[in-house]
Protein backbone atom coordinates (compact mmCIF):
# COMPACT_ATOMS: atom_id res chain seq x y z
CA MET A 1 110.04 105.95 120.11
CA ARG A 2 112.39 104.98 122.84
CA ASP A 3 113.90 101.53 122.65
CA TYR A 4 112.16 100.47 125.89
CA PHE A 5 108.72 101.18 124.44
CA ALA A 6 109.61 99.69 121.05
CA ARG A 7 110.61 96.40 122.72
CA ARG A 8 107.42 96.39 124.79
CA LEU A 9 105.29 97.10 121.73
CA ARG A 10 106.92 94.26 119.78
CA ARG A 11 106.02 91.90 122.61
CA LEU A 12 102.44 93.20 122.79
CA VAL A 13 101.65 92.58 119.12
CA PRO A 14 100.89 88.84 119.53
CA VAL A 15 98.76 89.66 122.59
CA PHE A 16 96.55 92.05 120.60
CA ILE A 17 96.57 90.33 117.19
CA GLU A 18 95.95 86.63 117.47
CA PRO A 19 96.87 84.37 114.57
CA VAL A 20 93.86 83.51 112.43
CA GLU A 21 93.85 80.70 109.91
CA GLY A 22 94.21 82.01 106.38
CA MET A 23 95.42 85.45 107.48
CA PRO A 24 99.00 86.68 107.39
CA PRO A 25 100.59 86.84 110.83
CA ALA A 26 101.24 90.18 112.47
CA ASP A 27 104.72 91.57 111.90
CA PRO A 28 106.00 93.10 115.16
CA ASP A 29 108.73 95.10 113.40
CA GLN A 30 106.26 96.59 110.91
CA VAL A 31 103.82 97.42 113.71
CA THR A 32 106.57 99.09 115.73
CA SER A 33 107.71 101.13 112.73
CA PHE A 34 104.13 102.21 111.97
CA ALA A 35 103.47 103.06 115.62
CA HIS A 36 106.61 105.18 115.72
CA GLN A 37 105.45 107.19 112.68
CA PHE A 38 101.86 107.33 113.97
CA LEU A 39 102.91 108.67 117.35
CA ARG A 40 105.33 111.22 115.88
CA ALA A 41 102.62 112.54 113.55
CA GLY A 42 99.98 112.68 116.27
CA THR A 43 99.47 115.02 119.15
CA PRO A 44 101.96 115.05 122.02
CA ALA A 45 99.10 114.33 124.43
CA PHE A 46 98.22 111.04 122.70
CA ARG A 47 101.89 110.09 122.54
CA MET A 48 102.28 110.59 126.29
CA LEU A 49 99.01 108.75 126.93
CA PHE A 50 100.18 105.82 124.81
CA TYR A 51 103.49 105.55 126.64
CA ALA A 52 101.70 105.80 129.98
CA MET A 53 99.31 103.02 128.95
CA VAL A 54 102.24 100.69 128.24
CA LEU A 55 103.34 101.18 131.85
CA VAL A 56 99.79 101.03 133.25
CA LEU A 57 99.09 97.77 131.41
CA GLN A 58 102.15 96.25 133.03
CA ALA A 59 101.20 97.56 136.48
CA VAL A 60 97.59 96.35 136.26
CA CYS A 61 98.71 92.92 135.11
CA LEU A 62 101.21 92.65 137.96
CA ALA A 63 98.55 93.75 140.44
CA THR A 64 95.81 91.43 139.20
CA ARG A 65 97.69 88.41 137.83
CA GLY A 66 100.92 88.60 139.82
CA ARG A 67 102.94 88.32 136.61
CA SER A 68 104.06 90.48 133.75
CA VAL A 69 101.74 90.58 130.75
CA TYR A 70 104.74 89.56 128.66
CA SER A 71 105.26 86.37 130.68
CA LEU A 72 101.64 85.22 130.58
CA PRO A 73 100.77 82.27 128.33
CA PRO A 74 98.94 83.44 125.17
CA GLU A 75 95.52 82.29 126.39
CA GLU A 76 95.91 84.01 129.74
CA ALA A 77 97.23 87.21 128.12
CA ASP A 78 94.20 87.19 125.81
CA ASP A 79 91.87 86.71 128.79
CA PHE A 80 93.58 89.58 130.59
CA VAL A 81 93.18 91.99 127.66
CA ARG A 82 89.55 90.92 127.17
CA SER A 83 88.88 91.50 130.87
CA LEU A 84 90.17 95.06 130.50
CA TYR A 85 87.90 95.69 127.50
CA SER A 86 84.87 94.43 129.41
CA SER A 87 85.70 96.10 132.73
CA ARG A 88 83.00 98.16 134.40
CA PHE A 89 85.64 100.75 135.20
CA ALA A 90 85.91 102.76 131.97
CA ALA A 91 89.53 103.76 132.58
CA LEU A 92 90.58 100.10 132.46
CA GLY A 93 88.79 99.66 129.15
CA ALA A 94 90.75 102.60 127.77
CA ILE A 95 94.08 100.80 128.26
CA PRO A 96 93.71 98.24 125.44
CA THR A 97 91.83 100.76 123.30
CA VAL A 98 94.69 103.27 123.38
CA LEU A 99 97.38 100.60 123.00
CA GLY A 100 95.49 98.75 120.29
CA THR A 101 94.89 101.76 118.06
CA PRO A 102 98.31 101.87 116.33
CA ILE A 103 98.69 98.08 116.54
CA TYR A 104 95.42 97.37 114.74
CA MET A 105 95.92 100.20 112.26
CA ALA A 106 99.39 98.92 111.35
CA HIS A 107 98.26 95.33 110.87
CA TYR A 108 95.02 95.96 109.00
CA ASN A 109 96.60 98.66 106.81
CA ARG A 110 98.79 96.03 105.15
CA ASP A 111 97.76 95.27 101.56
CA ASP A 112 98.08 91.49 102.02
CA VAL A 113 95.72 91.58 105.02
CA GLN A 114 93.20 93.80 103.22
CA VAL A 115 93.16 91.51 100.18
CA ARG A 116 92.48 88.50 102.43
CA LEU A 117 89.61 90.43 104.00
CA GLY A 118 88.13 91.03 100.55
CA PHE A 119 89.13 94.64 99.93
CA ASP A 120 90.72 95.68 96.66
CA VAL A 121 92.58 98.65 98.04
CA HIS A 122 94.11 99.77 94.77
CA GLU A 123 90.73 99.75 92.99
CA MET A 124 89.12 101.65 95.87
CA ARG A 125 91.85 104.30 95.68
CA ARG A 126 91.39 104.63 91.90
CA GLU A 127 87.63 105.06 92.38
CA ALA A 128 88.13 107.68 95.07
CA ALA A 129 90.61 109.61 92.95
CA ALA A 130 88.18 109.61 90.00
CA ARG A 131 85.33 111.14 92.01
CA GLU A 132 84.90 114.86 91.89
CA VAL A 133 84.05 116.45 95.20
CA ARG A 134 81.88 119.57 95.16
CA ARG A 135 80.77 121.64 98.10
């Protein structure tokens, strides 16, 4: 991942993952590292789409809010992202969906987050490994 996109992604993490009481905060460096691996392992088409969405998000925010998404106060940035999700124009709704995919996967894949959500990941993995699959 190019440094430009890594910096932008680090700054987008708090926009997509809001702090919730009792939950560990999002780690921008961990999210960026995961996103880098996720994008390298995925298809080139998704990688290009993801990078394009970083630029499109910035352009749409400048066009509609007159400011960069990175300079918006947290409440306004949250409102902006929510407005994209609920837009009647499906292409605008795709922007936070594509950008949020590796961000959400990275955050909610952390063991400390899963434990707080009530999942015993290690036990679930042991159960899955013990099952015999027949076709």
